[in-house]
Amino acid sequence: NDTGAGKHWSDNEVRALINIWSDEKIQQMLEGATRNKEIFEEIARRLMKRGIDRDWKQCRTKYKNLKYEYRALQKENEHLGNPRRKMRFYDEVDCILRRQPLGPSGWGCESSSLLSGTKNFSDEIK
């Protein structure tokens, strides 16, 4: 498999993907789109501009996996009440999927802190 599909995503790569995904234009394009190859090609182009070499299929797979993990965790937490499991980048994905504005801390989907690494993930597990 020489597509690199199994290549692990670094935290910076995931942050860059989430940052691009948080773009209002990208969100609007993804909403209700069934044929979304062009959207993920655009995301891959934007990642390439940041020095991250991922193809559109890798971007789509990572996007789907983040959404799936987020939704599974949401469902689990509804039943348990007290979350036992955490997800990396939960806050960022939550912000995008709920389309929340900037919070009192100044962090939000429009913030560049997604890429700057100012958010502390040390207490979260993979």
N, C-alpha and C. Protein backbone atom coordinates (compact mmCIF):
# COMPACT_ATOMS: atom_id res chain seq x y z
N ASN A 1 0.86 -1.19 0.00
CA ASN A 1 0.00 0.00 0.00
C ASN A 1 0.89 1.24 0.00
N ASP A 2 1.07 1.83 -1.16
CA ASP A 2 1.96 2.99 -1.23
C ASP A 2 1.22 4.32 -1.23
N THR A 3 -0.05 4.31 -0.84
CA THR A 3 -0.79 5.58 -0.75
C THR A 3 -0.51 6.28 0.57
N GLY A 4 0.10 5.59 1.52
CA GLY A 4 0.36 6.18 2.82
C GLY A 4 -0.89 6.26 3.67
N ALA A 5 -1.93 5.51 3.27
CA ALA A 5 -3.21 5.58 3.96
C ALA A 5 -3.10 5.19 5.43
N GLY A 6 -2.16 4.30 5.75
CA GLY A 6 -2.02 3.88 7.14
C GLY A 6 -1.07 4.75 7.94
N LYS A 7 -0.53 5.78 7.31
CA LYS A 7 0.43 6.67 7.98
C LYS A 7 -0.26 7.43 9.11
N HIS A 8 0.33 7.35 10.29
CA HIS A 8 -0.23 8.00 11.48
C HIS A 8 -0.27 9.52 11.32
N TRP A 9 -1.35 10.12 11.74
CA TRP A 9 -1.48 11.59 11.71
C TRP A 9 -0.87 12.16 12.98
N SER A 10 0.02 13.12 12.85
CA SER A 10 0.58 13.79 14.03
C SER A 10 -0.46 14.77 14.58
N ASP A 11 -0.27 15.20 15.81
CA ASP A 11 -1.19 16.18 16.41
C ASP A 11 -1.27 17.45 15.57
N ASN A 12 -0.13 17.90 15.06
CA ASN A 12 -0.13 19.12 14.24
C ASN A 12 -0.91 18.94 12.96
N GLU A 13 -0.82 17.74 12.36
CA GLU A 13 -1.59 17.47 11.14
C GLU A 13 -3.08 17.47 11.44
N VAL A 14 -3.46 16.84 12.56
CA VAL A 14 -4.88 16.80 12.93
C VAL A 14 -5.38 18.21 13.24
N ARG A 15 -4.57 19.00 13.96
CA ARG A 15 -4.96 20.38 14.27
C ARG A 15 -5.16 21.18 12.97
N ALA A 16 -4.27 20.99 12.01
CA ALA A 16 -4.39 21.70 10.73
C ALA A 16 -5.65 21.27 10.00
N LEU A 17 -5.94 19.97 10.00
CA LEU A 17 -7.17 19.47 9.36
C LEU A 17 -8.40 20.07 10.04
N ILE A 18 -8.41 20.07 11.36
CA ILE A 18 -9.54 20.62 12.12
C ILE A 18 -9.68 22.12 11.85
N ASN A 19 -8.55 22.81 11.78
CA ASN A 19 -8.57 24.25 11.51
C ASN A 19 -9.21 24.53 10.15
N ILE A 20 -8.86 23.75 9.15
CA ILE A 20 -9.43 23.92 7.81
C ILE A 20 -10.91 23.53 7.83
N TRP A 21 -11.23 22.43 8.51
CA TRP A 21 -12.61 21.97 8.62
C TRP A 21 -13.47 23.03 9.30
N SER A 22 -12.89 23.81 10.21
CA SER A 22 -13.67 24.81 10.95
C SER A 22 -14.01 26.03 10.08
N ASP A 23 -13.37 26.15 8.93
CA ASP A 23 -13.65 27.25 8.01
C ASP A 23 -15.12 27.18 7.58
N GLU A 24 -15.81 28.30 7.72
CA GLU A 24 -17.25 28.35 7.42
C GLU A 24 -17.56 27.89 5.99
N LYS A 25 -16.72 28.25 5.05
CA LYS A 25 -16.93 27.86 3.65
C LYS A 25 -16.86 26.34 3.50
N ILE A 26 -15.87 25.73 4.14
CA ILE A 26 -15.72 24.27 4.08
C ILE A 26 -16.92 23.59 4.76
N GLN A 27 -17.34 24.11 5.91
CA GLN A 27 -18.49 23.53 6.60
C GLN A 27 -19.74 23.58 5.73
N GLN A 28 -19.96 24.71 5.07
CA GLN A 28 -21.13 24.84 4.20
C GLN A 28 -21.06 23.86 3.04
N MET A 29 -19.86 23.68 2.48
CA MET A 29 -19.70 22.75 1.37
C MET A 29 -19.95 21.31 1.83
N LEU A 30 -19.52 20.96 3.05
CA LEU A 30 -19.68 19.60 3.56
C LEU A 30 -21.13 19.29 3.93
N GLU A 31 -21.88 20.32 4.32
CA GLU A 31 -23.25 20.13 4.76
C GLU A 31 -24.11 19.57 3.64
N GLY A 32 -24.59 18.37 3.84
CA GLY A 32 -25.50 17.77 2.88
C GLY A 32 -24.85 17.30 1.59
N ALA A 33 -23.53 17.40 1.49
CA ALA A 33 -22.85 16.96 0.27
C ALA A 33 -22.69 15.44 0.30
N THR A 34 -23.13 14.78 -0.75
CA THR A 34 -22.96 13.33 -0.83
C THR A 34 -21.73 12.98 -1.67
N ARG A 35 -21.47 13.78 -2.67
CA ARG A 35 -20.25 13.58 -3.48
C ARG A 35 -19.29 14.69 -3.06
N ASN A 36 -18.34 14.32 -2.20
CA ASN A 36 -17.52 15.35 -1.58
C ASN A 36 -16.03 15.24 -1.91
N LYS A 37 -15.70 14.53 -2.97
CA LYS A 37 -14.29 14.38 -3.34
C LYS A 37 -13.63 15.75 -3.54
N GLU A 38 -14.33 16.65 -4.25
CA GLU A 38 -13.77 17.98 -4.54
C GLU A 38 -13.50 18.76 -3.26
N ILE A 39 -14.37 18.61 -2.27
CA ILE A 39 -14.19 19.31 -1.00
C ILE A 39 -12.91 18.83 -0.31
N PHE A 40 -12.72 17.51 -0.30
CA PHE A 40 -11.53 16.96 0.36
C PHE A 40 -10.27 17.20 -0.46
N GLU A 41 -10.41 17.36 -1.76
CA GLU A 41 -9.26 17.77 -2.57
C GLU A 41 -8.84 19.19 -2.18
N GLU A 42 -9.83 20.05 -1.94
CA GLU A 42 -9.55 21.43 -1.49
C GLU A 42 -8.87 21.41 -0.12
N ILE A 43 -9.36 20.57 0.79
CA ILE A 43 -8.76 20.44 2.12
C ILE A 43 -7.32 19.96 1.99
N ALA A 44 -7.08 18.97 1.13
CA ALA A 44 -5.73 18.44 0.92
C ALA A 44 -4.81 19.53 0.35
N ARG A 45 -5.34 20.36 -0.56
CA ARG A 45 -4.55 21.48 -1.11
C ARG A 45 -4.17 22.46 -0.02
N ARG A 46 -5.13 22.78 0.85
CA ARG A 46 -4.85 23.71 1.95
C ARG A 46 -3.81 23.14 2.91
N LEU A 47 -3.90 21.82 3.16
CA LEU A 47 -2.90 21.18 4.02
C LEU A 47 -1.52 21.25 3.37
N MET A 48 -1.48 21.04 2.05
CA MET A 48 -0.20 21.08 1.33
C MET A 48 0.45 22.45 1.46
N LYS A 49 -0.38 23.52 1.45
CA LYS A 49 0.15 24.87 1.61
C LYS A 49 0.80 25.04 2.98
N ARG A 50 0.38 24.21 3.93
CA ARG A 50 0.95 24.25 5.29
C ARG A 50 2.06 23.22 5.45
N GLY A 51 2.44 22.59 4.35
CA GLY A 51 3.54 21.62 4.38
C GLY A 51 3.13 20.23 4.80
N ILE A 52 1.83 19.92 4.74
CA ILE A 52 1.33 18.60 5.14
C ILE A 52 0.86 17.86 3.90
N ASP A 53 1.51 16.74 3.61
CA ASP A 53 1.24 15.98 2.40
C ASP A 53 0.24 14.85 2.68
N ARG A 54 -1.01 15.13 2.45
CA ARG A 54 -2.10 14.14 2.60
C ARG A 54 -2.98 14.22 1.37
N ASP A 55 -3.43 13.06 0.88
CA ASP A 55 -4.34 13.10 -0.27
C ASP A 55 -5.77 13.24 0.21
N TRP A 56 -6.68 13.44 -0.73
CA TRP A 56 -8.07 13.70 -0.38
C TRP A 56 -8.70 12.52 0.36
N LYS A 57 -8.31 11.29 0.01
CA LYS A 57 -8.89 10.11 0.66
C LYS A 57 -8.46 10.04 2.13
N GLN A 58 -7.20 10.38 2.38
CA GLN A 58 -6.71 10.38 3.77
C GLN A 58 -7.44 11.44 4.58
N CYS A 59 -7.66 12.61 3.98
CA CYS A 59 -8.38 13.70 4.67
C CYS A 59 -9.81 13.29 4.97
N ARG A 60 -10.47 12.68 3.98
CA ARG A 60 -11.86 12.26 4.18
C ARG A 60 -11.95 11.19 5.27
N THR A 61 -11.03 10.24 5.24
CA THR A 61 -11.03 9.17 6.25
C THR A 61 -10.82 9.73 7.65
N LYS A 62 -9.85 10.65 7.80
CA LYS A 62 -9.58 11.24 9.11
C LYS A 62 -10.78 12.04 9.59
N TYR A 63 -11.39 12.81 8.69
CA TYR A 63 -12.59 13.60 9.00
C TYR A 63 -13.71 12.67 9.48
N LYS A 64 -13.94 11.60 8.74
CA LYS A 64 -15.01 10.66 9.11
C LYS A 64 -14.72 9.99 10.45
N ASN A 65 -13.46 9.62 10.66
CA ASN A 65 -13.09 8.97 11.92
C ASN A 65 -13.26 9.91 13.11
N LEU A 66 -12.88 11.17 12.95
CA LEU A 66 -13.05 12.15 14.03
C LEU A 66 -14.54 12.32 14.36
N LYS A 67 -15.36 12.43 13.32
CA LYS A 67 -16.80 12.58 13.54
C LYS A 67 -17.40 11.34 14.19
N TYR A 68 -16.98 10.17 13.72
CA TYR A 68 -17.50 8.92 14.27
C TYR A 68 -17.13 8.77 15.74
N GLU A 69 -15.85 9.03 16.05
CA GLU A 69 -15.39 8.90 17.43
C GLU A 69 -16.13 9.89 18.34
N TYR A 70 -16.32 11.12 17.85
CA TYR A 70 -17.03 12.15 18.60
C TYR A 70 -18.47 11.69 18.88
N ARG A 71 -19.17 11.23 17.84
CA ARG A 71 -20.57 10.82 18.01
C ARG A 71 -20.70 9.60 18.91
N ALA A 72 -19.77 8.65 18.78
CA ALA A 72 -19.80 7.46 19.64
C ALA A 72 -19.59 7.86 21.10
N LEU A 73 -18.70 8.80 21.34
CA LEU A 73 -18.44 9.28 22.69
C LEU A 73 -19.65 10.03 23.23
N GLN A 74 -20.30 10.84 22.39
CA GLN A 74 -21.51 11.55 22.80
C GLN A 74 -22.58 10.56 23.24
N LYS A 75 -22.78 9.51 22.44
CA LYS A 75 -23.79 8.51 22.73
C LYS A 75 -23.47 7.77 24.03
N GLU A 76 -22.19 7.41 24.19
CA GLU A 76 -21.73 6.72 25.40
C GLU A 76 -21.96 7.59 26.63
N ASN A 77 -21.65 8.86 26.51
CA ASN A 77 -21.79 9.78 27.64
C ASN A 77 -23.25 10.03 27.99
N GLU A 78 -24.14 9.97 27.01
CA GLU A 78 -25.58 10.12 27.29
C GLU A 78 -26.04 9.01 28.22
N HIS A 79 -25.54 7.78 27.97
CA HIS A 79 -25.95 6.64 28.77
C HIS A 79 -25.26 6.58 30.12
N LEU A 80 -23.99 6.95 30.16
CA LEU A 80 -23.23 6.84 31.41
C LEU A 80 -23.36 8.08 32.28
N GLY A 81 -23.61 9.22 31.66
CA GLY A 81 -23.70 10.46 32.42
C GLY A 81 -22.34 11.03 32.74
N ASN A 82 -21.48 10.21 33.28
CA ASN A 82 -20.13 10.65 33.65
C ASN A 82 -19.13 10.04 32.65
N PRO A 83 -18.54 10.87 31.80
CA PRO A 83 -17.64 10.31 30.79
C PRO A 83 -16.41 9.63 31.37
N ARG A 84 -16.21 8.39 30.96
CA ARG A 84 -15.04 7.64 31.41
C ARG A 84 -13.91 7.74 30.40
N ARG A 85 -14.28 7.95 29.16
CA ARG A 85 -13.31 7.94 28.09
C ARG A 85 -13.23 9.33 27.49
N LYS A 86 -12.04 9.74 27.12
CA LYS A 86 -11.87 11.05 26.48
C LYS A 86 -11.38 10.84 25.07
N MET A 87 -11.60 11.85 24.27
CA MET A 87 -11.17 11.81 22.88
C MET A 87 -10.22 12.96 22.65
N ARG A 88 -9.13 12.69 21.95
CA ARG A 88 -8.22 13.77 21.56
C ARG A 88 -8.98 14.71 20.64
N PHE A 89 -8.79 16.00 20.84
CA PHE A 89 -9.40 17.04 20.00
C PHE A 89 -10.93 17.10 20.15
N TYR A 90 -11.44 16.57 21.27
CA TYR A 90 -12.89 16.57 21.50
C TYR A 90 -13.46 17.99 21.44
N ASP A 91 -12.82 18.91 22.15
CA ASP A 91 -13.34 20.29 22.23
C ASP A 91 -13.43 20.94 20.86
N GLU A 92 -12.40 20.70 20.03
CA GLU A 92 -12.38 21.31 18.70
C GLU A 92 -13.49 20.74 17.82
N VAL A 93 -13.63 19.41 17.83
CA VAL A 93 -14.67 18.77 17.01
C VAL A 93 -16.05 19.18 17.53
N ASP A 94 -16.20 19.24 18.86
CA ASP A 94 -17.46 19.66 19.47
C ASP A 94 -17.83 21.07 19.01
N CYS A 95 -16.85 21.95 19.02
CA CYS A 95 -17.07 23.33 18.60
C CYS A 95 -17.56 23.40 17.16
N ILE A 96 -16.93 22.63 16.29
CA ILE A 96 -17.31 22.65 14.87
C ILE A 96 -18.70 22.06 14.68
N LEU A 97 -18.94 20.89 15.26
CA LEU A 97 -20.22 20.21 15.03
C LEU A 97 -21.40 20.93 15.69
N ARG A 98 -21.12 21.64 16.76
CA ARG A 98 -22.19 22.42 17.40
C ARG A 98 -22.26 23.85 16.87
N ARG A 99 -21.24 24.22 16.07
CA ARG A 99 -21.14 25.57 15.50
C ARG A 99 -21.27 26.64 16.57
N GLN A 100 -20.44 26.49 17.60
CA GLN A 100 -20.47 27.44 18.70
C GLN A 100 -19.59 28.64 18.40
N PRO A 101 -20.00 29.81 18.84
CA PRO A 101 -19.15 30.99 18.68
C PRO A 101 -17.98 30.95 19.65
N LEU A 102 -17.14 31.94 19.57
CA LEU A 102 -16.00 32.02 20.50
C LEU A 102 -16.49 32.03 21.94
N GLY A 103 -15.78 31.29 22.76
CA GLY A 103 -16.14 31.23 24.17
C GLY A 103 -15.46 32.32 24.96
N PRO A 104 -15.76 32.41 26.27
CA PRO A 104 -15.17 33.45 27.10
C PRO A 104 -13.64 33.36 27.17
N SER A 105 -13.11 32.16 26.93
CA SER A 105 -11.65 31.99 26.99
C SER A 105 -10.98 32.53 25.73
N GLY A 106 -11.81 32.86 24.72
CA GLY A 106 -11.25 33.35 23.47
C GLY A 106 -11.00 32.23 22.48
N TRP A 107 -11.21 30.97 22.94
CA TRP A 107 -11.00 29.86 22.04
C TRP A 107 -12.29 29.58 21.31
N GLY A 108 -12.18 29.23 20.06
CA GLY A 108 -13.36 28.86 19.28
C GLY A 108 -12.94 28.36 17.93
N CYS A 109 -13.90 28.04 17.10
CA CYS A 109 -13.60 27.48 15.80
C CYS A 109 -12.83 28.44 14.91
N GLU A 110 -13.02 29.72 15.11
CA GLU A 110 -12.35 30.70 14.27
C GLU A 110 -10.96 31.06 14.78
N SER A 111 -10.59 30.51 15.93
CA SER A 111 -9.34 30.89 16.56
C SER A 111 -8.14 30.18 15.93
N SER A 112 -7.04 30.86 15.89
CA SER A 112 -5.82 30.26 15.36
C SER A 112 -5.13 29.39 16.40
N SER A 113 -5.68 29.32 17.62
CA SER A 113 -5.04 28.51 18.65
C SER A 113 -5.07 27.03 18.28
N LEU A 114 -5.91 26.65 17.33
CA LEU A 114 -5.93 25.27 16.87
C LEU A 114 -4.56 24.87 16.33
N LEU A 115 -3.91 25.80 15.65
CA LEU A 115 -2.61 25.50 15.06
C LEU A 115 -1.46 25.87 15.96
N SER A 116 -1.65 26.84 16.81
CA SER A 116 -0.53 27.31 17.61
C SER A 116 -0.19 26.37 18.76
N GLY A 117 -1.12 25.45 19.05
CA GLY A 117 -0.86 24.49 20.12
C GLY A 117 -1.01 25.09 21.49
N THR A 118 -1.75 26.19 21.63
CA THR A 118 -1.90 26.83 22.93
C THR A 118 -2.83 26.04 23.83
N LYS A 119 -3.59 25.11 23.28
CA LYS A 119 -4.49 24.31 24.08
C LYS A 119 -3.72 23.13 24.66
N ASN A 120 -3.97 22.80 25.90
CA ASN A 120 -3.24 21.74 26.56
C ASN A 120 -3.99 20.42 26.43
N PHE A 121 -3.36 19.44 25.78
CA PHE A 121 -4.00 18.14 25.60
C PHE A 121 -3.36 17.06 26.46
N SER A 122 -2.50 17.46 27.39
CA SER A 122 -1.73 16.48 28.16
C SER A 122 -2.62 15.58 29.02
N ASP A 123 -3.82 16.06 29.37
CA ASP A 123 -4.67 15.23 30.23
C ASP A 123 -5.60 14.35 29.42
N GLU A 124 -5.49 14.41 28.11
CA GLU A 124 -6.34 13.57 27.28
C GLU A 124 -5.55 12.38 26.78
N ILE A 125 -6.28 11.30 26.50
CA ILE A 125 -5.62 10.10 26.00
C ILE A 125 -5.98 9.89 24.54
N LYS A 126 -5.21 9.10 23.87
CA LYS A 126 -5.46 8.84 22.43
C LYS A 126 -6.71 8.03 22.26
